[in-house]
Amino acid sequence: MTERRLRVLLIDDSELVLSAQEAVLSAAGFEVRAVGSLQRFLNQLLDWKPHVVVTDLYMPEMSGAELCSWLRRQMPTLRIPIVVCSSAPEAELAVIARAAGADGWIPKQLGLAGLSERLRELCDEIAF
């Protein structure tokens, strides 16, 4: 991976989860913005142009799978890598993420340290 800081846009309906994920990923060298609503997500997506989107799977406004599928149908976001992060069982998470067109998935059971490690691995696989 190159030395530039990758911009990661997080969306999760839990402010506690967002705060913890943002702190861990920032400490790991990512440039992070975290949002808890679909409207704030769309604003950041268009204004900030993240390199990677990390979305929770289960959210009230739109599920992470629905969000991923929608992003894949929009020309400006067609090629932005999307990672689904959830507490769903990993086998279920993998099936949902693949069906939605996500580039990867991270089980929340890996913990916060696992989040940064797995996201870095996925970014390396995506060839940033």
C-alpha atoms as a PDB file:
ATOM      1  CA  MET A   1       0.000   0.000   0.000  1.00  0.00           C
ATOM      2  CA  THR A   2       1.194   3.511  -0.711  1.00  0.00           C
ATOM      3  CA  GLU A   3       2.061   5.977   2.014  1.00  0.00           C
ATOM      4  CA  ARG A   4      -0.945   8.245   1.446  1.00  0.00           C
ATOM      5  CA  ARG A   5      -3.671   8.233   4.066  1.00  0.00           C
ATOM      6  CA  LEU A   6      -6.760   6.538   2.803  1.00  0.00           C
ATOM      7  CA  ARG A   7     -10.043   8.350   3.413  1.00  0.00           C
ATOM      8  CA  VAL A   8     -12.581   6.050   5.085  1.00  0.00           C
ATOM      9  CA  LEU A   9     -16.221   7.035   5.440  1.00  0.00           C
ATOM     10  CA  LEU A  10     -18.003   5.100   8.194  1.00  0.00           C
ATOM     11  CA  ILE A  11     -21.771   4.822   8.562  1.00  0.00           C
ATOM     12  CA  ASP A  12     -23.416   3.150  11.550  1.00  0.00           C
ATOM     13  CA  ASP A  13     -26.531   3.993  13.525  1.00  0.00           C
ATOM     14  CA  SER A  14     -24.678   3.573  16.838  1.00  0.00           C
ATOM     15  CA  GLU A  15     -22.764   6.680  17.918  1.00  0.00           C
ATOM     16  CA  LEU A  16     -20.786   4.565  20.390  1.00  0.00           C
ATOM     17  CA  VAL A  17     -19.647   2.166  17.661  1.00  0.00           C
ATOM     18  CA  LEU A  18     -18.821   5.055  15.330  1.00  0.00           C
ATOM     19  CA  SER A  19     -16.754   6.829  17.954  1.00  0.00           C
ATOM     20  CA  ALA A  20     -14.740   3.701  18.772  1.00  0.00           C
ATOM     21  CA  GLN A  21     -14.218   2.746  15.125  1.00  0.00           C
ATOM     22  CA  GLU A  22     -13.199   6.280  14.195  1.00  0.00           C
ATOM     23  CA  ALA A  23     -10.626   6.420  17.003  1.00  0.00           C
ATOM     24  CA  VAL A  24      -9.108   3.036  16.151  1.00  0.00           C
ATOM     25  CA  LEU A  25      -8.933   3.639  12.410  1.00  0.00           C
ATOM     26  CA  SER A  26      -7.494   7.146  12.879  1.00  0.00           C
ATOM     27  CA  ALA A  27      -4.810   5.738  15.167  1.00  0.00           C
ATOM     28  CA  ALA A  28      -4.047   3.124  12.489  1.00  0.00           C
ATOM     29  CA  GLY A  29      -3.304   5.870   9.967  1.00  0.00           C
ATOM     30  CA  PHE A  30      -6.590   6.215   8.114  1.00  0.00           C
ATOM     31  CA  GLU A  31      -8.266   9.571   7.586  1.00  0.00           C
ATOM     32  CA  VAL A  32     -11.766   8.946   8.919  1.00  0.00           C
ATOM     33  CA  ARG A  33     -15.161  10.580   8.906  1.00  0.00           C
ATOM     34  CA  ALA A  34     -18.008   8.910  10.767  1.00  0.00           C
ATOM     35  CA  VAL A  35     -21.710   9.552  10.268  1.00  0.00           C
ATOM     36  CA  GLY A  36     -24.838   8.177  11.866  1.00  0.00           C
ATOM     37  CA  SER A  37     -27.482   9.060   9.276  1.00  0.00           C
ATOM     38  CA  LEU A  38     -28.070   8.480   5.610  1.00  0.00           C
ATOM     39  CA  GLN A  39     -28.339  12.206   4.844  1.00  0.00           C
ATOM     40  CA  ARG A  40     -24.988  12.990   6.505  1.00  0.00           C
ATOM     41  CA  PHE A  41     -23.480   9.992   4.699  1.00  0.00           C
ATOM     42  CA  LEU A  42     -24.631  11.267   1.300  1.00  0.00           C
ATOM     43  CA  ASN A  43     -23.301  14.767   2.059  1.00  0.00           C
ATOM     44  CA  GLN A  44     -19.881  13.418   3.064  1.00  0.00           C
ATOM     45  CA  LEU A  45     -19.809  11.015   0.135  1.00  0.00           C
ATOM     46  CA  LEU A  46     -20.265  13.808  -2.383  1.00  0.00           C
ATOM     47  CA  ASP A  47     -18.196  16.499  -0.650  1.00  0.00           C
ATOM     48  CA  TRP A  48     -15.293  14.482   0.761  1.00  0.00           C
ATOM     49  CA  LYS A  49     -14.958  11.700  -1.832  1.00  0.00           C
ATOM     50  CA  PRO A  50     -13.743   8.822   0.371  1.00  0.00           C
ATOM     51  CA  HIS A  51     -11.469   6.071  -0.911  1.00  0.00           C
ATOM     52  CA  VAL A  52     -13.433   3.403   1.010  1.00  0.00           C
ATOM     53  CA  VAL A  53     -16.911   3.164   2.554  1.00  0.00           C
ATOM     54  CA  VAL A  54     -17.475   1.003   5.638  1.00  0.00           C
ATOM     55  CA  THR A  55     -21.131   0.436   6.408  1.00  0.00           C
ATOM     56  CA  ASP A  56     -22.980  -1.310   9.184  1.00  0.00           C
ATOM     57  CA  LEU A  57     -25.402  -3.950   7.932  1.00  0.00           C
ATOM     58  CA  TYR A  58     -28.426  -3.273  10.122  1.00  0.00           C
ATOM     59  CA  MET A  59     -29.512   0.378  10.152  1.00  0.00           C
ATOM     60  CA  PRO A  60     -32.991   1.909  10.380  1.00  0.00           C
ATOM     61  CA  GLU A  61     -33.006   4.208   7.336  1.00  0.00           C
ATOM     62  CA  MET A  62     -31.463   1.777   4.847  1.00  0.00           C
ATOM     63  CA  SER A  63     -29.609  -1.461   5.431  1.00  0.00           C
ATOM     64  CA  GLY A  64     -25.936  -1.669   4.569  1.00  0.00           C
ATOM     65  CA  ALA A  65     -26.804  -4.174   1.833  1.00  0.00           C
ATOM     66  CA  GLU A  66     -29.369  -1.781   0.334  1.00  0.00           C
ATOM     67  CA  LEU A  67     -26.880   1.078   0.583  1.00  0.00           C
ATOM     68  CA  CYS A  68     -24.205  -0.996  -1.136  1.00  0.00           C
ATOM     69  CA  SER A  69     -26.550  -2.019  -3.949  1.00  0.00           C
ATOM     70  CA  TRP A  70     -27.660   1.591  -4.410  1.00  0.00           C
ATOM     71  CA  LEU A  71     -24.063   2.885  -4.507  1.00  0.00           C
ATOM     72  CA  ARG A  72     -23.217   0.256  -7.140  1.00  0.00           C
ATOM     73  CA  ARG A  73     -25.949   1.658  -9.407  1.00  0.00           C
ATOM     74  CA  GLN A  74     -24.725   5.282  -9.219  1.00  0.00           C
ATOM     75  CA  MET A  75     -22.053   6.346 -11.686  1.00  0.00           C
ATOM     76  CA  PRO A  76     -20.096   8.611  -9.261  1.00  0.00           C
ATOM     77  CA  THR A  77     -19.840   5.820  -6.646  1.00  0.00           C
ATOM     78  CA  LEU A  78     -19.675   2.787  -8.909  1.00  0.00           C
ATOM     79  CA  ARG A  79     -15.998   2.100  -8.198  1.00  0.00           C
ATOM     80  CA  ILE A  80     -15.705   3.155  -4.544  1.00  0.00           C
ATOM     81  CA  PRO A  81     -14.792   0.057  -2.519  1.00  0.00           C
ATOM     82  CA  ILE A  82     -17.459  -0.849   0.016  1.00  0.00           C
ATOM     83  CA  VAL A  83     -16.933  -2.959   3.126  1.00  0.00           C
ATOM     84  CA  VAL A  84     -19.842  -4.240   5.204  1.00  0.00           C
ATOM     85  CA  CYS A  85     -19.163  -4.475   8.941  1.00  0.00           C
ATOM     86  CA  SER A  86     -21.657  -6.290  11.147  1.00  0.00           C
ATOM     87  CA  SER A  87     -22.231  -8.427  14.198  1.00  0.00           C
ATOM     88  CA  ALA A  88     -24.117 -10.916  11.992  1.00  0.00           C
ATOM     89  CA  PRO A  89     -22.561 -14.386  11.842  1.00  0.00           C
ATOM     90  CA  GLU A  90     -19.657 -14.312   9.391  1.00  0.00           C
ATOM     91  CA  ALA A  91     -21.141 -16.869   6.979  1.00  0.00           C
ATOM     92  CA  GLU A  92     -24.374 -14.835   6.759  1.00  0.00           C
ATOM     93  CA  LEU A  93     -22.411 -11.584   6.463  1.00  0.00           C
ATOM     94  CA  ALA A  94     -20.321 -12.962   3.590  1.00  0.00           C
ATOM     95  CA  VAL A  95     -23.405 -14.044   1.629  1.00  0.00           C
ATOM     96  CA  ILE A  96     -25.175 -10.705   2.140  1.00  0.00           C
ATOM     97  CA  ALA A  97     -22.065  -8.647   1.308  1.00  0.00           C
ATOM     98  CA  ARG A  98     -21.360 -10.594  -1.894  1.00  0.00           C
ATOM     99  CA  ALA A  99     -25.008 -10.407  -3.020  1.00  0.00           C
ATOM    100  CA  ALA A 100     -25.033  -6.625  -2.463  1.00  0.00           C
ATOM    101  CA  GLY A 101     -21.830  -6.105  -4.459  1.00  0.00           C
ATOM    102  CA  ALA A 102     -19.554  -5.226  -1.530  1.00  0.00           C
ATOM    103  CA  ASP A 103     -15.807  -5.577  -1.938  1.00  0.00           C
ATOM    104  CA  GLY A 104     -15.418  -7.165   1.485  1.00  0.00           C
ATOM    105  CA  TRP A 105     -16.851  -7.680   4.925  1.00  0.00           C
ATOM    106  CA  ILE A 106     -15.598  -7.446   8.478  1.00  0.00           C
ATOM    107  CA  PRO A 107     -17.309  -9.245  11.358  1.00  0.00           C
ATOM    108  CA  LYS A 108     -17.593  -6.991  14.408  1.00  0.00           C
ATOM    109  CA  GLN A 109     -16.625 -10.065  16.447  1.00  0.00           C
ATOM    110  CA  LEU A 110     -13.012  -9.385  15.365  1.00  0.00           C
ATOM    111  CA  GLY A 111     -13.060  -6.404  17.716  1.00  0.00           C
ATOM    112  CA  LEU A 112     -11.636  -2.974  17.101  1.00  0.00           C
ATOM    113  CA  ALA A 113      -8.070  -4.173  16.536  1.00  0.00           C
ATOM    114  CA  GLY A 114      -9.394  -6.670  14.017  1.00  0.00           C
ATOM    115  CA  LEU A 115     -11.273  -3.883  12.243  1.00  0.00           C
ATOM    116  CA  SER A 116      -8.145  -1.878  11.432  1.00  0.00           C
ATOM    117  CA  GLU A 117      -6.114  -4.966  10.493  1.00  0.00           C
ATOM    118  CA  ARG A 118      -8.801  -6.411   8.233  1.00  0.00           C
ATOM    119  CA  LEU A 119      -9.551  -3.054   6.600  1.00  0.00           C
ATOM    120  CA  ARG A 120      -5.863  -2.603   5.816  1.00  0.00           C
ATOM    121  CA  GLU A 121      -5.764  -6.134   4.324  1.00  0.00           C
ATOM    122  CA  LEU A 122      -8.827  -5.391   2.198  1.00  0.00           C
ATOM    123  CA  CYS A 123      -7.312  -2.111   0.999  1.00  0.00           C
ATOM    124  CA  ASP A 124      -4.133  -3.954   0.032  1.00  0.00           C
ATOM    125  CA  GLU A 125      -6.216  -6.540  -1.870  1.00  0.00           C
ATOM    126  CA  ILE A 126      -8.082  -3.767  -3.662  1.00  0.00           C
ATOM    127  CA  ALA A 127      -4.634  -2.387  -4.623  1.00  0.00           C
ATOM    128  CA  PHE A 128      -4.621   1.123  -3.225  1.00  0.00           C
END
